[in-house]
Amino acid sequence: MRTVLLIILAALLGPVAECQPLGADAAGAITYSRSITAPLNAVLLFDRAQEAWTWTFGKEPGARALRTDRDGGMLEGVARVNYRSAHLSMRDETMGTIQYRVTIHVKAGECRITVSELTHSGNRTTPRGGIHFGLLLRGDEPAGRVRGVGASNSRRIYAEVKAVADARISTVLQAFEARLRANTQP
């Protein structure tokens, strides 16, 4: 009897395990990474990186430093990109933010900056609720089905969200790198 129950249980659970959707990392979350070299010791370079943070990422909407460790050479913070669809009549539902995390690692002669965890949240105050894409992935489609939007509109809005985030984050990363390099020149 036990054997029969185990076979039935395995038969029922087997297809369930095979049908589960892949995790968010299956397509790969969008991440930006830069390495900047500078002829300074770790403490001086950290001070310059913190100043560059203040004048670039620190000026972005919702920016705040979460962790500042001068001795360990670590600076973490979050910021966001405000988003509003330019192509759809359902602007209020897609209007929202793209939150992201900035991590800066500093050691003697090198500053590594990583922007990750880009997450879109739609406007929750609309009558039908917001359209949320969640974690932005490298693929052409969001991680899951988006409530209230058809497949073609979902792909189009998702591409627009990623393009807006890419343009803004690339601009701020370039400004950070330029500011850091300018402050480390003799």
C-alpha atoms as a PDB file:
ATOM      1  CA  MET A   1       0.000   0.000   0.000  1.00  0.00           C
ATOM      2  CA  ARG A   2       2.835   2.420   0.868  1.00  0.00           C
ATOM      3  CA  THR A   3       4.500   1.751  -2.455  1.00  0.00           C
ATOM      4  CA  VAL A   4       1.304   2.531  -4.345  1.00  0.00           C
ATOM      5  CA  LEU A   5       0.892   5.827  -2.425  1.00  0.00           C
ATOM      6  CA  LEU A   6       4.502   6.793  -3.136  1.00  0.00           C
ATOM      7  CA  ILE A   7       4.050   6.089  -6.850  1.00  0.00           C
ATOM      8  CA  ILE A   8       0.846   8.141  -6.959  1.00  0.00           C
ATOM      9  CA  LEU A   9       2.478  10.969  -5.034  1.00  0.00           C
ATOM     10  CA  ALA A  10       5.519  10.951  -7.349  1.00  0.00           C
ATOM     11  CA  ALA A  11       3.243  10.951 -10.388  1.00  0.00           C
ATOM     12  CA  LEU A  12       1.309  13.950  -9.042  1.00  0.00           C
ATOM     13  CA  LEU A  13       4.327  15.976  -7.903  1.00  0.00           C
ATOM     14  CA  GLY A  14       6.556  15.205 -10.894  1.00  0.00           C
ATOM     15  CA  PRO A  15       4.685  17.390 -13.434  1.00  0.00           C
ATOM     16  CA  VAL A  16       4.294  20.183 -10.873  1.00  0.00           C
ATOM     17  CA  ALA A  17       8.051  20.419 -10.423  1.00  0.00           C
ATOM     18  CA  GLU A  18       8.598  20.443 -14.193  1.00  0.00           C
ATOM     19  CA  CYS A  19       6.046  23.219 -14.835  1.00  0.00           C
ATOM     20  CA  GLN A  20       7.327  25.757 -12.343  1.00  0.00           C
ATOM     21  CA  PRO A  21       8.468  28.981 -13.988  1.00  0.00           C
ATOM     22  CA  LEU A  22      12.137  29.816 -14.044  1.00  0.00           C
ATOM     23  CA  GLY A  23      13.358  32.274 -11.438  1.00  0.00           C
ATOM     24  CA  ALA A  24      14.113  35.915 -12.156  1.00  0.00           C
ATOM     25  CA  ASP A  25      17.800  35.118 -12.657  1.00  0.00           C
ATOM     26  CA  ALA A  26      17.046  32.621 -15.454  1.00  0.00           C
ATOM     27  CA  ALA A  27      17.015  35.390 -18.080  1.00  0.00           C
ATOM     28  CA  GLY A  28      19.435  37.474 -16.050  1.00  0.00           C
ATOM     29  CA  ALA A  29      18.605  40.661 -14.241  1.00  0.00           C
ATOM     30  CA  ILE A  30      19.911  43.880 -15.765  1.00  0.00           C
ATOM     31  CA  THR A  31      23.127  44.996 -14.103  1.00  0.00           C
ATOM     32  CA  TYR A  32      25.550  47.810 -14.912  1.00  0.00           C
ATOM     33  CA  SER A  33      29.148  47.550 -13.801  1.00  0.00           C
ATOM     34  CA  ARG A  34      32.152  49.825 -14.193  1.00  0.00           C
ATOM     35  CA  SER A  35      35.693  49.769 -12.923  1.00  0.00           C
ATOM     36  CA  ILE A  36      37.569  53.050 -12.624  1.00  0.00           C
ATOM     37  CA  THR A  37      41.288  53.178 -11.922  1.00  0.00           C
ATOM     38  CA  ALA A  38      42.856  56.120 -10.144  1.00  0.00           C
ATOM     39  CA  PRO A  39      46.314  56.695  -8.631  1.00  0.00           C
ATOM     40  CA  LEU A  40      45.111  57.132  -5.023  1.00  0.00           C
ATOM     41  CA  ASN A  41      45.145  55.081  -1.849  1.00  0.00           C
ATOM     42  CA  ALA A  42      41.905  53.473  -0.713  1.00  0.00           C
ATOM     43  CA  VAL A  43      40.904  56.152   1.827  1.00  0.00           C
ATOM     44  CA  LEU A  44      41.436  59.102  -0.531  1.00  0.00           C
ATOM     45  CA  LEU A  45      39.721  57.284  -3.381  1.00  0.00           C
ATOM     46  CA  PHE A  46      36.775  56.461  -1.114  1.00  0.00           C
ATOM     47  CA  ASP A  47      36.411  60.153  -0.215  1.00  0.00           C
ATOM     48  CA  ARG A  48      36.442  61.075  -3.921  1.00  0.00           C
ATOM     49  CA  ALA A  49      33.926  58.328  -4.719  1.00  0.00           C
ATOM     50  CA  GLN A  50      31.646  59.531  -1.928  1.00  0.00           C
ATOM     51  CA  GLU A  51      31.816  63.065  -3.307  1.00  0.00           C
ATOM     52  CA  ALA A  52      31.075  61.771  -6.824  1.00  0.00           C
ATOM     53  CA  TRP A  53      28.094  59.831  -5.381  1.00  0.00           C
ATOM     54  CA  THR A  54      26.778  63.017  -3.761  1.00  0.00           C
ATOM     55  CA  TRP A  55      26.894  64.974  -7.021  1.00  0.00           C
ATOM     56  CA  THR A  56      25.564  62.239  -9.322  1.00  0.00           C
ATOM     57  CA  PHE A  57      23.498  59.398  -7.862  1.00  0.00           C
ATOM     58  CA  GLY A  58      22.827  61.448  -4.728  1.00  0.00           C
ATOM     59  CA  LYS A  59      20.924  64.015  -6.832  1.00  0.00           C
ATOM     60  CA  GLU A  60      18.578  61.405  -8.306  1.00  0.00           C
ATOM     61  CA  PRO A  61      14.987  61.124  -7.012  1.00  0.00           C
ATOM     62  CA  GLY A  62      14.700  59.122  -3.794  1.00  0.00           C
ATOM     63  CA  ALA A  63      18.460  58.757  -3.441  1.00  0.00           C
ATOM     64  CA  ARG A  64      19.850  57.813  -0.074  1.00  0.00           C
ATOM     65  CA  ALA A  65      22.983  56.145   1.178  1.00  0.00           C
ATOM     66  CA  LEU A  66      22.254  52.900   2.998  1.00  0.00           C
ATOM     67  CA  ARG A  67      25.760  51.990   4.095  1.00  0.00           C
ATOM     68  CA  THR A  68      28.981  53.969   4.230  1.00  0.00           C
ATOM     69  CA  ASP A  69      32.065  52.079   5.384  1.00  0.00           C
ATOM     70  CA  ARG A  70      35.194  54.135   4.786  1.00  0.00           C
ATOM     71  CA  ASP A  71      37.552  51.578   6.358  1.00  0.00           C
ATOM     72  CA  GLY A  72      36.067  48.699   4.374  1.00  0.00           C
ATOM     73  CA  GLY A  73      35.817  50.744   1.177  1.00  0.00           C
ATOM     74  CA  MET A  74      32.090  50.145   0.721  1.00  0.00           C
ATOM     75  CA  LEU A  75      29.289  52.549  -0.179  1.00  0.00           C
ATOM     76  CA  GLU A  76      25.750  51.355  -0.863  1.00  0.00           C
ATOM     77  CA  GLY A  77      22.714  53.362  -1.755  1.00  0.00           C
ATOM     78  CA  VAL A  78      19.445  53.392  -3.616  1.00  0.00           C
ATOM     79  CA  ALA A  79      17.843  55.797  -6.056  1.00  0.00           C
ATOM     80  CA  ARG A  80      15.106  55.717  -8.649  1.00  0.00           C
ATOM     81  CA  VAL A  81      14.142  56.802 -12.127  1.00  0.00           C
ATOM     82  CA  ASN A  82      10.682  58.296 -12.515  1.00  0.00           C
ATOM     83  CA  TYR A  83       8.837  56.734 -15.452  1.00  0.00           C
ATOM     84  CA  ARG A  84       5.802  57.672 -17.515  1.00  0.00           C
ATOM     85  CA  SER A  85       4.881  55.982 -20.798  1.00  0.00           C
ATOM     86  CA  ALA A  86       5.017  58.236 -23.827  1.00  0.00           C
ATOM     87  CA  HIS A  87       3.311  55.748 -26.156  1.00  0.00           C
ATOM     88  CA  LEU A  88       0.141  54.611 -24.412  1.00  0.00           C
ATOM     89  CA  SER A  89      -3.149  56.176 -23.437  1.00  0.00           C
ATOM     90  CA  MET A  90      -3.005  54.206 -20.143  1.00  0.00           C
ATOM     91  CA  ARG A  91      -0.267  56.489 -18.868  1.00  0.00           C
ATOM     92  CA  ASP A  92      -1.437  56.717 -15.278  1.00  0.00           C
ATOM     93  CA  GLU A  93      -1.229  52.959 -14.725  1.00  0.00           C
ATOM     94  CA  THR A  94       2.313  52.652 -16.085  1.00  0.00           C
ATOM     95  CA  MET A  95       3.541  55.856 -14.510  1.00  0.00           C
ATOM     96  CA  GLY A  96       5.733  54.951 -11.593  1.00  0.00           C
ATOM     97  CA  THR A  97       9.321  54.403 -10.595  1.00  0.00           C
ATOM     98  CA  ILE A  98      12.268  52.198 -11.415  1.00  0.00           C
ATOM     99  CA  GLN A  99      14.110  51.650  -8.145  1.00  0.00           C
ATOM    100  CA  TYR A 100      17.753  50.542  -8.254  1.00  0.00           C
ATOM    101  CA  ARG A 101      20.670  49.769  -5.925  1.00  0.00           C
ATOM    102  CA  VAL A 102      24.148  51.252  -6.287  1.00  0.00           C
ATOM    103  CA  THR A 103      27.129  49.470  -4.752  1.00  0.00           C
ATOM    104  CA  ILE A 104      30.588  51.031  -4.769  1.00  0.00           C
ATOM    105  CA  HIS A 105      33.664  49.019  -3.729  1.00  0.00           C
ATOM    106  CA  VAL A 106      36.892  50.962  -3.311  1.00  0.00           C
ATOM    107  CA  LYS A 107      40.404  49.630  -2.887  1.00  0.00           C
ATOM    108  CA  ALA A 108      43.773  51.216  -3.533  1.00  0.00           C
ATOM    109  CA  GLY A 109      43.855  52.374  -7.143  1.00  0.00           C
ATOM    110  CA  GLU A 110      40.422  51.035  -8.135  1.00  0.00           C
ATOM    111  CA  CYS A 111      36.765  51.929  -7.703  1.00  0.00           C
ATOM    112  CA  ARG A 112      34.150  49.390  -8.821  1.00  0.00           C
ATOM    113  CA  ILE A 113      30.575  50.556  -9.174  1.00  0.00           C
ATOM    114  CA  THR A 114      27.612  48.262  -9.741  1.00  0.00           C
ATOM    115  CA  VAL A 115      24.012  49.275 -10.403  1.00  0.00           C
ATOM    116  CA  SER A 116      21.604  46.383  -9.915  1.00  0.00           C
ATOM    117  CA  GLU A 117      18.151  45.305  -8.755  1.00  0.00           C
ATOM    118  CA  LEU A 118      16.270  47.544 -11.200  1.00  0.00           C
ATOM    119  CA  THR A 119      12.628  47.128 -10.202  1.00  0.00           C
ATOM    120  CA  HIS A 120       9.627  48.811 -11.840  1.00  0.00           C
ATOM    121  CA  SER A 121       6.563  49.687  -9.767  1.00  0.00           C
ATOM    122  CA  GLY A 122       3.537  51.273 -11.394  1.00  0.00           C
ATOM    123  CA  ASN A 123       1.244  53.944 -10.002  1.00  0.00           C
ATOM    124  CA  ARG A 124      -0.811  52.308  -7.236  1.00  0.00           C
ATOM    125  CA  THR A 125      -3.186  55.267  -6.864  1.00  0.00           C
ATOM    126  CA  THR A 126      -5.015  54.798 -10.175  1.00  0.00           C
ATOM    127  CA  PRO A 127      -8.546  53.379 -10.103  1.00  0.00           C
ATOM    128  CA  ARG A 128      -7.469  50.104 -11.749  1.00  0.00           C
ATOM    129  CA  GLY A 129      -4.218  49.831  -9.815  1.00  0.00           C
ATOM    130  CA  GLY A 130      -0.731  50.106 -11.182  1.00  0.00           C
ATOM    131  CA  ILE A 131       1.004  48.035 -13.804  1.00  0.00           C
ATOM    132  CA  HIS A 132       4.095  46.543 -12.181  1.00  0.00           C
ATOM    133  CA  PHE A 133       6.840  44.849 -14.197  1.00  0.00           C
ATOM    134  CA  GLY A 134       8.959  44.027 -11.179  1.00  0.00           C
ATOM    135  CA  LEU A 135      12.614  43.098 -11.630  1.00  0.00           C
ATOM    136  CA  LEU A 136      13.886  44.166 -15.064  1.00  0.00           C
ATOM    137  CA  LEU A 137      15.490  41.329 -17.015  1.00  0.00           C
ATOM    138  CA  ARG A 138      17.724  41.264 -20.089  1.00  0.00           C
ATOM    139  CA  GLY A 139      15.115  39.376 -22.122  1.00  0.00           C
ATOM    140  CA  ASP A 140      12.319  40.873 -24.206  1.00  0.00           C
ATOM    141  CA  GLU A 141       9.527  39.940 -21.815  1.00  0.00           C
ATOM    142  CA  PRO A 142       8.898  40.527 -18.114  1.00  0.00           C
ATOM    143  CA  ALA A 143       9.431  37.712 -15.619  1.00  0.00           C
ATOM    144  CA  GLY A 144       5.698  37.060 -15.318  1.00  0.00           C
ATOM    145  CA  ARG A 145       2.381  37.995 -16.841  1.00  0.00           C
ATOM    146  CA  VAL A 146       1.404  41.586 -16.127  1.00  0.00           C
ATOM    147  CA  ARG A 147      -2.165  42.047 -14.909  1.00  0.00           C
ATOM    148  CA  GLY A 148      -4.304  44.376 -17.013  1.00  0.00           C
ATOM    149  CA  VAL A 149      -2.113  44.501 -20.131  1.00  0.00           C
ATOM    150  CA  GLY A 150      -2.129  42.374 -23.276  1.00  0.00           C
ATOM    151  CA  ALA A 151       0.995  40.548 -24.389  1.00  0.00           C
ATOM    152  CA  SER A 152       1.986  42.939 -27.204  1.00  0.00           C
ATOM    153  CA  ASN A 153       1.416  46.070 -25.105  1.00  0.00           C
ATOM    154  CA  SER A 154       3.263  44.420 -22.232  1.00  0.00           C
ATOM    155  CA  ARG A 155       6.340  43.826 -24.398  1.00  0.00           C
ATOM    156  CA  ARG A 156       6.193  47.360 -25.791  1.00  0.00           C
ATOM    157  CA  ILE A 157       5.859  49.032 -22.383  1.00  0.00           C
ATOM    158  CA  TYR A 158       8.532  46.716 -20.937  1.00  0.00           C
ATOM    159  CA  ALA A 159      10.952  47.704 -23.710  1.00  0.00           C
ATOM    160  CA  GLU A 160      10.193  51.374 -23.058  1.00  0.00           C
ATOM    161  CA  VAL A 161      10.721  50.969 -19.285  1.00  0.00           C
ATOM    162  CA  LYS A 162      14.091  49.316 -19.926  1.00  0.00           C
ATOM    163  CA  ALA A 163      15.104  51.998 -22.449  1.00  0.00           C
ATOM    164  CA  VAL A 164      14.253  54.827 -20.037  1.00  0.00           C
ATOM    165  CA  ALA A 165      16.169  53.119 -17.214  1.00  0.00           C
ATOM    166  CA  ASP A 166      19.142  52.393 -19.475  1.00  0.00           C
ATOM    167  CA  ALA A 167      19.363  55.971 -20.740  1.00  0.00           C
ATOM    168  CA  ARG A 168      19.183  57.537 -17.292  1.00  0.00           C
ATOM    169  CA  ILE A 169      21.471  55.102 -15.482  1.00  0.00           C
ATOM    170  CA  SER A 170      24.067  55.232 -18.278  1.00  0.00           C
ATOM    171  CA  THR A 171      24.048  59.027 -18.095  1.00  0.00           C
ATOM    172  CA  VAL A 172      24.490  59.072 -14.321  1.00  0.00           C
ATOM    173  CA  LEU A 173      27.227  56.404 -14.484  1.00  0.00           C
ATOM    174  CA  GLN A 174      29.128  58.504 -17.023  1.00  0.00           C
ATOM    175  CA  ALA A 175      28.737  61.572 -14.831  1.00  0.00           C
ATOM    176  CA  PHE A 176      29.971  59.590 -11.802  1.00  0.00           C
ATOM    177  CA  GLU A 177      33.019  58.350 -13.682  1.00  0.00           C
ATOM    178  CA  ALA A 178      33.810  61.823 -15.060  1.00  0.00           C
ATOM    179  CA  ARG A 179      33.466  63.437 -11.631  1.00  0.00           C
ATOM    180  CA  LEU A 180      35.633  60.781  -9.985  1.00  0.00           C
ATOM    181  CA  ARG A 181      38.333  61.071 -12.644  1.00  0.00           C
ATOM    182  CA  ALA A 182      38.311  64.876 -12.455  1.00  0.00           C
ATOM    183  CA  ASN A 183      38.731  64.767  -8.658  1.00  0.00           C
ATOM    184  CA  THR A 184      41.617  62.297  -8.790  1.00  0.00           C
ATOM    185  CA  GLN A 185      43.745  64.239 -11.263  1.00  0.00           C
ATOM    186  CA  PRO A 186      46.813  65.955  -9.760  1.00  0.00           C
END
